[in-house]
Amino acid sequence: MENSPEIATDAASLRPAGVSAVALSRLASATGGQLLHVPQNADPDEIAISGVSIDSRSVRSGDLYAALPGARFHGADFTRSAREAGAAAVLTDPAGAQILGSDPGLPVVVTPDPRSQVGAIARAVYDSQPEDGSGLSLFAVTGTNGKTTTTYFTNSILRALGETTGLIGTIEILAGGQRIPSRLTTPEAPTVHALLSVMRESGMTAASMEVSSHAIAFHRVDGIRYDVAGFTNLTQDHLDLHGTMEAYFGVKAQLFTPERTQRAVIAVADDDDEWGIRMARHARAQLGAENVDVFAMRGGVVADREEDPDRRGADWTLRSMSRRGIGHRFELVHRDGRSLRVSTGLPGEFNVANAALAALMILASGVELETLQRVLDDDDPLTTDVPGRMQLIGTEPTAVVDFAHNPDALARALAAVDPPDGDGRVILVFGATGDRDRTKRPLMGEIAAREADVVIISDDDPHGEDPAAIREEVAAGARSLVEAGTARAVEVYEISPRAVAIRSAVQMAGPQDSVIVAGRGHETVQEIAGVDHPLDDRAELRAALDEMQEGRWERR
């Protein structure tokens, strides 16, 4: 079932089979809201709610339709469609109640912030985490970069341990024999709770989830308590939503509280990693130092071992890192002397951090160190493929596709593909996403010019912005370094469309060079002015390499 799941198209269409309906009166009471418009001959204790939906198009008979305020429309505007689909009641805010008027045709629960109530309601309806402890073992990963790879690593170790696993993340959702392409890193709360119940009904025993800052801010993971939550890093991204890095940190930190997780593993890069160190202190204060493991890649952060949870340093540190092909082998050493030998075949030191975090999350869940060591040695679970994450497409030239779409991720990806001993060039194709944080565009241009030999700026997903204007903002950062004489790059190009840019990069490459196509990773459509165009960087790069090998054109 897990090796060859069926393909579904919509996560919201998956519902558990065994739902015990919950009385509307109970749900209304739990929200603290006001129950209105109950028919005179109806008893709220007998109005059964068997599902939850925030999208009127996904409503089924017996659902509570959560009519929430949106950026352009209010969900209450679509109540008629929900009622016709069989909704049993509506949850909304005072503004929605006004839209519904005096005769909405359904019972209405009115509460000031209905979005914050949806997760708890969905948990109650779908029984996604039973009180008897029979639910899944749940692992959450948050951070700016590395969430996807770490969840795949975690699941791979769990499978080697004999668990049957589910996955909710950026690339796909795996639940109950269904493989569903993801639309959001973390789906809306009703879908998440329904998926967890579907996984449990299907015999799955564990699941890993990416938890984005959007998911926390928009209450998509409310009502869920994880067994272990992991933190990768915090670097500039999503400031269009959060405004400042301080606010971005504050949202991420909400995951590391007793309401949301039992244990935590926090990665800290080095002594200068302000956000990692702060997250470690926050988690220890919230969860208790005994329930938090701090992993340090390098630095003297381990030197201070006082019992004050703010000053006890790292629990695990990285030692003895060496190359293993394009990947690495390394040792994790605990401050009490225990050690764990780990290796991954994926390139880049950031994948060392991802692999270490995944292994330590499994250890934190209660797996014995000797058992974990055995599966790491026997099964090599940390050399699993992760679609669009440092995905090797070809050799001679080395050709890689990666999802790097912010400054820190781009710098790490470029360092990972830099040919050893300066024997080749790094040729980069990338762009920036439209309708997102504009401040990172010139920064990414600067990183490209500093870390690559040839920079090709093309289009990512322009969305509603002018693609040429986005390219120019990125190019300005790259050209500023070239003009100042501080760039590694000697050539900066703007080439569009992206497929042509990828083909041009391969044409420029020699056997010893590295071509990296960054920013879109696993994505298969490119949105331009509201229209989706088929585009898969992996397919385009593979086709360009095939053309080169078949001799249909000469390298430049």
Protein backbone atom coordinates (compact mmCIF):
# COMPACT_ATOMS: atom_id res chain seq x y z
CA MET A 1 0.00 0.00 0.00
CA GLU A 2 2.76 2.42 0.95
CA ASN A 3 5.07 1.50 -1.93
CA SER A 4 2.59 2.19 -4.72
CA PRO A 5 -0.22 4.38 -3.44
CA GLU A 6 -3.10 5.46 -5.59
CA ILE A 7 -3.12 9.04 -6.81
CA ALA A 8 -5.88 11.34 -5.59
CA THR A 9 -6.36 14.97 -6.56
CA ASP A 10 -7.69 16.64 -3.44
CA ALA A 11 -6.72 16.08 0.19
CA ALA A 12 -10.02 17.59 1.36
CA SER A 13 -11.88 14.72 -0.30
CA LEU A 14 -10.36 12.18 2.10
CA ARG A 15 -12.51 11.55 5.16
CA PRO A 16 -12.35 8.76 7.74
CA ALA A 17 -15.01 6.08 7.42
CA GLY A 18 -15.67 5.65 11.11
CA VAL A 19 -16.90 9.01 12.38
CA SER A 20 -19.05 9.18 15.49
CA ALA A 21 -21.13 12.33 15.03
CA VAL A 22 -20.83 15.05 17.68
CA ALA A 23 -23.80 17.08 18.90
CA LEU A 24 -23.88 20.68 17.67
CA SER A 25 -24.67 21.82 21.21
CA ARG A 26 -21.40 20.32 22.46
CA LEU A 27 -19.35 22.03 19.75
CA ALA A 28 -21.10 25.36 20.31
CA SER A 29 -20.41 25.13 24.02
CA ALA A 30 -16.74 24.32 23.41
CA THR A 31 -16.31 27.48 21.30
CA GLY A 32 -17.98 29.69 23.88
CA GLY A 33 -20.04 31.04 21.02
CA GLN A 34 -23.70 31.91 20.63
CA LEU A 35 -26.00 29.37 18.99
CA LEU A 36 -28.59 31.05 16.78
CA HIS A 37 -31.34 30.16 14.31
CA VAL A 38 -32.05 26.68 15.64
CA PRO A 39 -35.44 25.58 14.24
CA GLN A 40 -38.19 25.62 16.86
CA ASN A 41 -38.81 21.90 16.59
CA ALA A 42 -35.12 20.98 16.70
CA ASP A 43 -32.98 20.00 19.69
CA PRO A 44 -29.31 21.17 19.42
CA ASP A 45 -28.34 18.00 21.28
CA GLU A 46 -29.74 15.98 18.39
CA ILE A 47 -28.24 17.99 15.50
CA ALA A 48 -25.35 15.71 14.54
CA ILE A 49 -22.10 17.04 13.08
CA SER A 50 -20.12 14.39 11.20
CA GLY A 51 -17.61 16.53 9.29
CA VAL A 52 -16.01 19.97 9.10
CA SER A 53 -15.22 22.07 6.04
CA ILE A 54 -14.03 25.63 5.44
CA ASP A 55 -14.62 25.35 1.69
CA SER A 56 -18.25 25.28 0.54
CA ARG A 57 -17.20 23.15 -2.43
CA SER A 58 -15.98 20.40 -0.09
CA VAL A 59 -19.06 20.29 2.13
CA ARG A 60 -20.76 16.93 2.66
CA SER A 61 -24.01 16.02 4.32
CA GLY A 62 -23.78 16.53 8.09
CA ASP A 63 -20.85 18.97 7.94
CA LEU A 64 -20.28 22.04 10.04
CA TYR A 65 -19.45 24.70 7.46
CA ALA A 66 -16.88 27.16 8.85
CA ALA A 67 -17.68 30.44 7.10
CA LEU A 68 -14.49 32.40 7.72
CA PRO A 69 -13.41 35.90 6.69
CA GLY A 70 -11.01 35.92 3.75
CA ALA A 71 -8.82 38.38 1.88
CA ARG A 72 -11.41 39.04 -0.85
CA PHE A 73 -14.62 37.30 0.24
CA HIS A 74 -16.30 36.15 3.40
CA GLY A 75 -17.14 32.47 3.67
CA ALA A 76 -20.67 33.43 4.68
CA ASP A 77 -21.24 34.54 1.09
CA PHE A 78 -21.17 30.85 0.08
CA THR A 79 -23.48 29.49 2.75
CA ARG A 80 -26.22 28.73 0.26
CA SER A 81 -23.90 26.35 -1.62
CA ALA A 82 -22.92 24.72 1.66
CA ARG A 83 -26.56 24.30 2.66
CA GLU A 84 -27.43 22.75 -0.70
CA ALA A 85 -24.53 20.33 -0.27
CA GLY A 86 -25.98 19.14 3.02
CA ALA A 87 -24.31 21.27 5.70
CA ALA A 88 -25.97 20.80 9.09
CA ALA A 89 -24.83 24.08 10.64
CA VAL A 90 -22.57 27.10 10.17
CA LEU A 91 -19.70 28.45 12.29
CA THR A 92 -18.89 32.11 11.65
CA ASP A 93 -17.98 35.48 13.17
CA PRO A 94 -20.25 38.50 13.84
CA ALA A 95 -19.55 39.88 10.34
CA GLY A 96 -20.56 36.55 8.83
CA ALA A 97 -23.70 36.48 10.96
CA GLN A 98 -24.66 39.86 9.53
CA ILE A 99 -24.20 38.56 5.99
CA LEU A 100 -26.36 35.53 6.79
CA GLY A 101 -29.19 37.70 8.04
CA SER A 102 -32.20 36.62 10.05
CA ASP A 103 -33.05 33.47 8.10
CA PRO A 104 -29.92 31.60 6.95
CA GLY A 105 -31.78 28.28 6.81
CA LEU A 106 -29.23 26.60 9.11
CA PRO A 107 -28.29 26.79 12.78
CA VAL A 108 -25.40 29.23 13.26
CA VAL A 109 -22.66 29.30 15.88
CA VAL A 110 -21.24 32.82 16.22
CA THR A 111 -17.86 33.36 17.86
CA PRO A 112 -15.38 36.29 17.62
CA ASP A 113 -12.55 34.27 16.05
CA PRO A 114 -13.98 31.14 14.41
CA ARG A 115 -10.72 30.21 12.67
CA SER A 116 -9.08 29.64 16.05
CA GLN A 117 -11.88 27.18 16.93
CA VAL A 118 -11.82 25.03 13.80
CA GLY A 119 -8.88 22.82 14.79
CA ALA A 120 -10.35 21.80 18.14
CA ILE A 121 -13.75 21.15 16.51
CA ALA A 122 -12.18 19.02 13.77
CA ARG A 123 -10.22 17.03 16.35
CA ALA A 124 -13.44 16.29 18.25
CA VAL A 125 -15.41 15.32 15.14
CA TYR A 126 -12.73 13.15 13.51
CA ASP A 127 -11.23 11.82 16.77
CA SER A 128 -7.83 12.37 15.19
CA GLN A 129 -5.91 11.92 18.44
CA PRO A 130 -7.90 9.55 20.67
CA GLU A 131 -7.62 10.07 24.40
CA ASP A 132 -6.70 6.40 24.86
CA GLY A 133 -3.38 6.98 23.10
CA SER A 134 -4.23 4.80 20.10
CA GLY A 135 -3.39 7.53 17.61
CA LEU A 136 -0.34 7.88 15.42
CA SER A 137 3.10 8.81 16.64
CA LEU A 138 3.39 12.33 15.24
CA PHE A 139 6.56 14.17 14.24
CA ALA A 140 6.56 17.86 13.26
CA VAL A 141 9.35 19.79 11.58
CA THR A 142 9.44 23.57 11.35
CA GLY A 143 12.08 26.10 10.27
CA THR A 144 12.86 28.12 7.17
CA ASN A 145 14.84 25.53 5.25
CA GLY A 146 15.13 21.75 5.47
CA LYS A 147 11.58 20.89 6.55
CA THR A 148 10.79 18.68 3.57
CA THR A 149 14.05 16.72 3.59
CA THR A 150 13.90 16.21 7.35
CA THR A 151 10.35 14.81 7.19
CA TYR A 152 11.38 12.40 4.41
CA PHE A 153 14.43 11.37 6.45
CA THR A 154 12.27 10.86 9.55
CA ASN A 155 9.79 8.70 7.66
CA SER A 156 12.59 6.69 6.09
CA ILE A 157 14.03 5.83 9.52
CA LEU A 158 10.56 5.00 10.84
CA ARG A 159 9.97 2.59 7.95
CA ALA A 160 13.34 0.94 8.62
CA LEU A 161 12.12 0.47 12.20
CA GLY A 162 9.04 -1.33 10.94
CA GLU A 163 6.52 1.51 11.21
CA THR A 164 3.91 2.19 8.53
CA THR A 165 4.10 5.91 7.85
CA GLY A 166 2.06 8.82 6.58
CA LEU A 167 3.32 12.19 5.38
CA ILE A 168 1.94 15.71 5.15
CA GLY A 169 4.21 18.21 3.43
CA THR A 170 5.14 20.56 0.64
CA ILE A 171 5.57 17.92 -2.06
CA GLU A 172 2.82 15.44 -1.33
CA ILE A 173 0.48 13.89 1.18
CA LEU A 174 0.61 10.14 1.76
CA ALA A 175 -2.44 8.88 3.61
CA GLY A 176 -4.43 5.68 3.54
CA GLY A 177 -2.95 4.42 0.28
CA GLN A 178 -3.49 7.79 -1.39
CA ARG A 179 -0.76 10.01 -2.85
CA ILE A 180 -1.98 13.58 -3.20
CA PRO A 181 0.05 16.49 -4.62
CA SER A 182 0.18 19.27 -2.03
CA ARG A 183 -1.30 22.70 -2.55
CA LEU A 184 -0.14 24.04 0.82
CA THR A 185 2.84 23.04 2.94
CA THR A 186 0.31 22.30 5.68
CA PRO A 187 -3.38 21.87 4.72
CA GLU A 188 -6.23 23.58 6.56
CA ALA A 189 -7.14 22.21 10.00
CA PRO A 190 -10.21 20.13 9.00
CA THR A 191 -8.17 18.39 6.32
CA VAL A 192 -5.22 17.74 8.64
CA HIS A 193 -7.43 16.14 11.30
CA ALA A 194 -9.34 14.09 8.72
CA LEU A 195 -6.05 12.88 7.21
CA LEU A 196 -4.71 11.77 10.58
CA SER A 197 -7.86 9.72 11.13
CA VAL A 198 -7.64 8.23 7.64
CA MET A 199 -4.04 7.25 8.32
CA ARG A 200 -5.00 5.58 11.58
CA GLU A 201 -7.89 3.70 9.95
CA SER A 202 -5.50 2.50 7.25
CA GLY A 203 -3.17 0.91 9.78
CA MET A 204 -0.48 3.59 9.72
CA THR A 205 1.40 3.91 12.98
CA ALA A 206 3.41 7.10 12.55
CA ALA A 207 3.42 10.29 10.46
CA SER A 208 5.69 13.23 9.79
CA MET A 209 4.44 16.74 9.04
CA GLU A 210 5.96 19.94 7.83
CA VAL A 211 4.63 22.80 9.91
CA SER A 212 5.08 26.16 8.22
CA SER A 213 4.80 29.56 9.88
CA HIS A 214 1.66 30.12 7.78
CA ALA A 215 0.19 26.94 9.27
CA ILE A 216 0.74 28.18 12.81
CA ALA A 217 -0.38 31.75 12.12
CA PHE A 218 -3.57 30.59 10.35
CA HIS A 219 -4.44 27.90 12.95
CA ARG A 220 -3.99 24.96 10.54
CA VAL A 221 -2.37 22.75 13.19
CA ASP A 222 -4.56 23.78 16.10
CA GLY A 223 -5.83 20.83 18.10
CA ILE A 224 -2.77 18.68 17.31
CA ARG A 225 -0.19 17.66 19.91
CA TYR A 226 2.98 16.13 18.49
CA ASP A 227 5.17 13.52 20.12
CA VAL A 228 8.31 15.29 18.89
CA ALA A 229 8.76 18.65 17.14
CA GLY A 230 12.01 19.57 15.40
CA PHE A 231 13.48 22.96 14.47
CA THR A 232 15.87 23.30 11.51
CA ASN A 233 16.84 26.98 11.30
CA LEU A 234 15.47 30.49 10.89
CA THR A 235 16.59 32.74 8.06
CA GLN A 236 14.93 35.51 6.07
CA ASP A 237 11.71 34.44 4.36
CA HIS A 238 7.97 35.16 4.51
CA LEU A 239 8.46 38.72 5.74
CA ASP A 240 5.58 39.68 3.43
CA LEU A 241 3.40 37.88 6.02
CA HIS A 242 5.26 38.41 9.28
CA GLY A 243 6.84 41.82 8.73
CA THR A 244 9.93 41.28 10.88
CA MET A 245 12.24 38.43 11.81
CA GLU A 246 11.19 38.88 15.44
CA ALA A 247 7.55 38.26 14.52
CA TYR A 248 8.56 35.33 12.29
CA PHE A 249 10.45 33.79 15.22
CA GLY A 250 7.50 34.36 17.55
CA VAL A 251 5.16 32.39 15.30
CA LYS A 252 7.59 29.47 14.94
CA ALA A 253 8.15 29.43 18.70
CA GLN A 254 4.46 28.66 19.27
CA LEU A 255 5.12 25.08 18.14
CA PHE A 256 7.46 24.51 21.08
CA THR A 257 4.89 24.79 23.85
CA PRO A 258 3.24 22.08 25.98
CA GLU A 259 -0.06 22.50 24.13
CA ARG A 260 1.55 21.52 20.83
CA THR A 261 4.35 19.03 21.55
CA GLN A 262 5.65 16.70 24.23
CA ARG A 263 9.32 16.83 23.26
CA ALA A 264 11.55 18.91 20.99
CA VAL A 265 14.86 18.71 19.15
CA ILE A 266 16.40 22.07 18.26
CA ALA A 267 19.25 22.46 15.75
CA VAL A 268 21.77 25.24 16.39
CA ALA A 269 24.31 26.00 13.67
CA ASP A 270 27.03 27.61 15.81
CA ASP A 271 27.68 30.20 18.52
CA ASP A 272 26.46 32.97 16.21
CA ASP A 273 23.12 31.31 15.45
CA GLU A 274 20.98 33.81 17.37
CA TRP A 275 17.64 32.33 16.36
CA GLY A 276 18.62 28.72 17.02
CA ILE A 277 19.99 29.55 20.46
CA ARG A 278 16.89 31.57 21.30
CA MET A 279 14.61 28.76 20.16
CA ALA A 280 16.54 26.28 22.33
CA ARG A 281 16.12 28.53 25.37
CA HIS A 282 12.45 29.06 24.61
CA ALA A 283 11.78 25.33 24.18
CA ARG A 284 13.63 24.42 27.39
CA ALA A 285 11.72 27.04 29.35
CA GLN A 286 8.38 25.89 27.93
CA LEU A 287 8.83 22.11 27.90
CA GLY A 288 11.47 21.56 30.56
CA ALA A 289 15.13 20.98 29.76
CA GLU A 290 14.69 17.21 30.21
CA ASN A 291 12.24 17.19 27.26
CA VAL A 292 14.43 19.14 24.84
CA ASP A 293 17.53 17.98 22.97
CA VAL A 294 19.72 20.67 21.45
CA PHE A 295 21.98 19.69 18.57
CA ALA A 296 24.94 21.92 17.61
CA MET A 297 26.68 21.60 14.26
CA ARG A 298 29.81 23.38 15.48
CA GLY A 299 31.14 25.94 17.93
CA GLY A 300 31.68 26.32 21.66
CA VAL A 301 28.01 26.26 22.48
CA VAL A 302 28.69 22.89 24.17
CA ALA A 303 31.24 24.25 26.61
CA ASP A 304 28.77 25.64 29.16
CA ARG A 305 27.05 22.75 30.96
CA GLU A 306 25.48 24.49 33.92
CA GLU A 307 22.07 23.20 34.96
CA ASP A 308 20.39 26.53 34.24
CA PRO A 309 18.33 25.53 31.16
CA ASP A 310 19.32 28.79 29.45
CA ARG A 311 23.02 27.99 29.86
CA ARG A 312 23.46 24.23 29.74
CA GLY A 313 24.73 24.27 26.14
CA ALA A 314 24.10 21.60 23.53
CA ASP A 315 23.10 18.03 24.33
CA TRP A 316 24.44 16.61 21.05
CA THR A 317 27.34 17.82 18.91
CA LEU A 318 28.71 16.90 15.51
CA ARG A 319 32.04 15.12 15.34
CA SER A 320 34.20 13.30 12.78
CA MET A 321 32.48 14.49 9.60
CA SER A 322 33.97 13.08 6.39
CA ARG A 323 32.91 12.67 2.78
CA ARG A 324 30.93 9.66 1.62
CA GLY A 325 30.70 10.05 -2.14
CA ILE A 326 28.73 13.26 -2.65
CA GLY A 327 27.30 12.88 0.88
CA HIS A 328 28.81 12.63 4.34
CA ARG A 329 29.33 10.30 7.28
CA PHE A 330 29.58 11.75 10.77
CA GLU A 331 29.19 11.05 14.48
CA LEU A 332 26.79 12.61 16.97
CA VAL A 333 28.16 12.73 20.52
CA HIS A 334 26.03 13.34 23.61
CA ARG A 335 27.43 15.28 26.54
CA ASP A 336 27.07 12.10 28.64
CA GLY A 337 29.43 10.24 26.28
CA ARG A 338 26.92 8.29 24.19
CA SER A 339 27.44 8.44 20.43
CA LEU A 340 25.56 7.70 17.22
CA ARG A 341 27.16 7.00 13.83
CA VAL A 342 25.17 8.54 10.97
CA SER A 343 25.59 8.91 7.21
CA THR A 344 23.66 10.33 4.28
CA GLY A 345 24.25 10.08 0.56
CA LEU A 346 22.64 13.47 -0.12
CA PRO A 347 25.07 16.32 -0.82
CA GLY A 348 25.64 19.43 1.29
CA GLU A 349 26.44 20.10 4.92
CA PHE A 350 22.85 21.28 5.36
CA ASN A 351 21.78 17.69 4.71
CA VAL A 352 24.11 16.61 7.50
CA ALA A 353 22.08 18.91 9.76
CA ASN A 354 18.80 17.56 8.35
CA ALA A 355 19.92 13.95 8.82
CA ALA A 356 21.13 14.61 12.36
CA LEU A 357 17.84 16.30 13.27
CA ALA A 358 15.79 13.40 11.89
CA ALA A 359 17.86 10.79 13.76
CA LEU A 360 17.67 12.71 17.03
CA MET A 361 13.90 13.19 16.68
CA ILE A 362 13.52 9.41 16.39
CA LEU A 363 15.73 8.96 19.44
CA ALA A 364 13.68 11.54 21.35
CA SER A 365 10.51 9.58 20.58
CA GLY A 366 11.73 6.75 22.77
CA VAL A 367 13.56 4.45 20.35
CA GLU A 368 16.63 2.90 21.99
CA LEU A 369 19.98 4.17 20.75
CA GLU A 370 21.20 0.63 19.98
CA THR A 371 18.07 -0.05 17.89
CA LEU A 372 18.45 3.20 15.97
CA GLN A 373 22.14 2.51 15.35
CA ARG A 374 21.29 -0.90 13.94
CA VAL A 375 18.85 0.44 11.33
CA LEU A 376 21.18 3.31 10.42
CA ASP A 377 23.94 0.78 9.78
CA ASP A 378 21.84 -1.89 8.07
CA ASP A 379 19.34 0.10 5.99
CA ASP A 380 21.03 3.42 5.14
CA PRO A 381 17.67 5.21 5.54
CA LEU A 382 19.16 8.70 5.25
CA THR A 383 20.05 8.18 1.59
CA THR A 384 16.43 8.35 0.51
CA ASP A 385 15.36 10.37 -2.53
CA VAL A 386 13.61 13.67 -1.80
CA PRO A 387 11.89 15.06 -4.94
CA GLY A 388 13.34 18.42 -5.96
CA ARG A 389 15.69 18.67 -2.98
CA MET A 390 19.29 18.49 -4.18
CA GLN A 391 17.98 15.99 -6.70
CA LEU A 392 20.76 14.69 -8.93
CA ILE A 393 19.62 14.67 -12.55
CA GLY A 394 22.91 13.93 -14.30
CA THR A 395 26.70 13.79 -14.12
CA GLU A 396 29.37 15.25 -16.45
CA PRO A 397 28.20 17.92 -15.94
CA THR A 398 26.82 17.45 -12.45
CA ALA A 399 23.20 18.59 -12.82
CA VAL A 400 21.03 19.26 -9.77
CA VAL A 401 17.56 20.64 -9.10
CA ASP A 402 16.85 22.19 -5.71
CA PHE A 403 14.01 24.08 -4.05
CA ALA A 404 16.31 26.84 -2.71
CA HIS A 405 14.15 29.95 -2.92
CA ASN A 406 15.52 32.23 -0.21
CA PRO A 407 18.99 33.68 0.48
CA ASP A 408 20.21 31.14 3.04
CA ALA A 409 18.99 28.11 1.08
CA LEU A 410 20.56 29.42 -2.14
CA ALA A 411 23.95 29.95 -0.48
CA ARG A 412 23.87 26.44 1.00
CA ALA A 413 22.87 24.83 -2.30
CA LEU A 414 25.62 26.61 -4.23
CA ALA A 415 28.24 25.55 -1.69
CA ALA A 416 27.04 21.95 -1.96
CA VAL A 417 27.57 21.76 -5.75
CA ASP A 418 30.86 23.66 -5.91
CA PRO A 419 33.31 21.32 -7.70
CA PRO A 420 36.19 20.21 -5.44
CA ASP A 421 39.62 21.81 -5.85
CA GLY A 422 38.25 24.44 -8.24
CA ASP A 423 38.26 22.02 -11.16
CA GLY A 424 34.97 23.24 -12.59
CA ARG A 425 32.49 26.10 -12.69
CA VAL A 426 29.15 26.54 -10.97
CA ILE A 427 26.41 27.55 -13.43
CA LEU A 428 23.21 28.72 -11.75
CA VAL A 429 19.68 29.15 -13.08
CA PHE A 430 17.24 30.78 -10.66
CA GLY A 431 14.72 33.56 -10.14
CA ALA A 432 12.40 34.96 -7.48
CA THR A 433 8.73 34.41 -6.77
CA GLY A 434 6.23 37.17 -7.50
CA ASP A 435 3.87 38.61 -4.89
CA ARG A 436 6.28 37.59 -2.12
CA ASP A 437 8.97 39.26 -0.01
CA ARG A 438 10.71 41.66 -2.41
CA THR A 439 13.57 42.49 -0.04
CA LYS A 440 15.19 39.10 -0.60
CA ARG A 441 15.46 39.51 -4.39
CA PRO A 442 18.64 41.64 -4.55
CA LEU A 443 20.10 39.61 -1.67
CA MET A 444 19.68 36.43 -3.71
CA GLY A 445 21.26 38.18 -6.69
CA GLU A 446 24.27 39.09 -4.56
CA ILE A 447 24.62 35.52 -3.27
CA ALA A 448 24.41 34.18 -6.82
CA ALA A 449 27.18 36.50 -8.02
CA ARG A 450 29.34 35.70 -4.99
CA GLU A 451 28.99 31.91 -5.11
CA ALA A 452 28.51 31.01 -8.79
CA ASP A 453 30.70 31.47 -11.86
CA VAL A 454 27.83 31.93 -14.33
CA VAL A 455 24.51 33.40 -13.21
CA ILE A 456 21.39 32.98 -15.33
CA ILE A 457 18.42 34.87 -13.94
CA SER A 458 15.09 33.61 -15.19
CA ASP A 459 11.48 33.41 -13.98
CA ASP A 460 10.27 31.47 -10.95
CA ASP A 461 6.51 31.86 -10.41
CA PRO A 462 5.74 35.50 -11.29
CA HIS A 463 2.11 35.18 -10.14
CA GLY A 464 0.57 38.63 -10.72
CA GLU A 465 3.82 40.61 -11.12
CA ASP A 466 5.66 41.60 -14.28
CA PRO A 467 8.30 38.85 -14.78
CA ALA A 468 10.81 41.28 -16.30
CA ALA A 469 10.56 43.59 -13.28
CA ILE A 470 11.23 40.70 -10.91
CA ARG A 471 14.25 39.58 -12.92
CA GLU A 472 15.62 43.11 -12.88
CA GLU A 473 15.39 43.35 -9.07
CA VAL A 474 17.33 40.10 -8.75
CA ALA A 475 19.84 41.12 -11.43
CA ALA A 476 20.49 44.45 -9.69
CA GLY A 477 21.91 42.61 -6.70
CA ALA A 478 24.13 40.40 -8.86
CA ARG A 479 25.41 43.23 -11.04
CA SER A 480 26.23 45.41 -8.01
CA LEU A 481 28.88 42.86 -6.98
CA VAL A 482 30.19 42.44 -10.53
CA GLU A 483 30.56 46.21 -10.91
CA ALA A 484 32.28 46.46 -7.53
CA GLY A 485 34.77 43.76 -8.55
CA THR A 486 33.81 41.52 -5.63
CA ALA A 487 31.89 38.88 -7.58
CA ARG A 488 32.98 35.37 -8.39
CA ALA A 489 30.65 35.48 -11.38
CA VAL A 490 32.07 36.81 -14.60
CA GLU A 491 28.81 36.51 -16.51
CA VAL A 492 25.27 37.48 -15.50
CA TYR A 493 22.46 36.77 -17.95
CA GLU A 494 18.71 37.32 -18.02
CA ILE A 495 17.09 34.54 -20.04
CA SER A 496 13.38 33.82 -20.33
CA PRO A 497 11.41 31.58 -20.56
CA ARG A 498 12.86 29.29 -17.91
CA ALA A 499 13.07 26.21 -20.14
CA VAL A 500 15.34 28.16 -22.50
CA ALA A 501 17.43 29.33 -19.53
CA ILE A 502 17.94 25.72 -18.40
CA ARG A 503 18.90 24.62 -21.91
CA SER A 504 21.35 27.53 -22.17
CA ALA A 505 22.99 26.55 -18.88
CA VAL A 506 23.59 23.00 -20.09
CA GLN A 507 24.98 24.32 -23.38
CA MET A 508 27.50 26.38 -21.43
CA ALA A 509 28.62 23.50 -19.20
CA GLY A 510 31.66 21.30 -19.55
CA PRO A 511 31.95 17.79 -18.06
CA GLN A 512 33.66 19.08 -14.92
CA ASP A 513 31.12 21.84 -14.25
CA SER A 514 28.04 21.86 -12.02
CA VAL A 515 24.66 23.11 -13.23
CA ILE A 516 22.12 23.89 -10.51
CA VAL A 517 18.54 24.93 -11.22
CA ALA A 518 17.18 26.47 -8.03
CA GLY A 519 13.92 27.78 -6.66
CA ARG A 520 11.12 25.52 -7.87
CA GLY A 521 12.28 22.02 -6.97
CA HIS A 522 9.46 19.49 -7.35
CA GLU A 523 6.91 21.95 -8.78
CA THR A 524 5.36 21.04 -12.12
CA VAL A 525 3.44 24.21 -13.07
CA GLN A 526 4.51 27.83 -13.33
CA GLU A 527 1.93 30.50 -12.59
CA ILE A 528 2.07 33.58 -14.78
CA ALA A 529 -0.69 36.19 -14.48
CA GLY A 530 -3.08 33.70 -12.97
CA VAL A 531 -2.50 31.01 -15.62
CA ASP A 532 -0.75 27.73 -14.82
CA HIS A 533 1.80 26.61 -17.42
CA PRO A 534 3.35 23.11 -17.32
CA LEU A 535 6.99 23.38 -16.23
CA ASP A 536 9.11 20.83 -14.39
CA ASP A 537 12.74 21.87 -13.87
CA ARG A 538 13.77 18.22 -13.54
CA ALA A 539 12.21 17.27 -16.86
CA GLU A 540 13.66 20.31 -18.64
CA LEU A 541 17.14 19.69 -17.25
CA ARG A 542 16.98 16.00 -18.12
CA ALA A 543 15.85 16.80 -21.68
CA ALA A 544 18.65 19.33 -22.14
CA LEU A 545 21.24 16.80 -20.95
CA ASP A 546 19.80 14.18 -23.31
CA GLU A 547 20.03 16.59 -26.24
CA MET A 548 23.64 17.35 -25.41
CA GLN A 549 24.58 13.68 -25.16
CA GLU A 550 22.83 12.87 -28.42
CA GLY A 551 24.94 15.55 -30.09
CA ARG A 552 22.03 17.63 -31.31
CA TRP A 553 23.95 20.77 -30.39
CA GLU A 554 27.44 21.75 -29.34
CA ARG A 555 28.44 23.23 -26.01
CA ARG A 556 29.12 26.94 -26.13
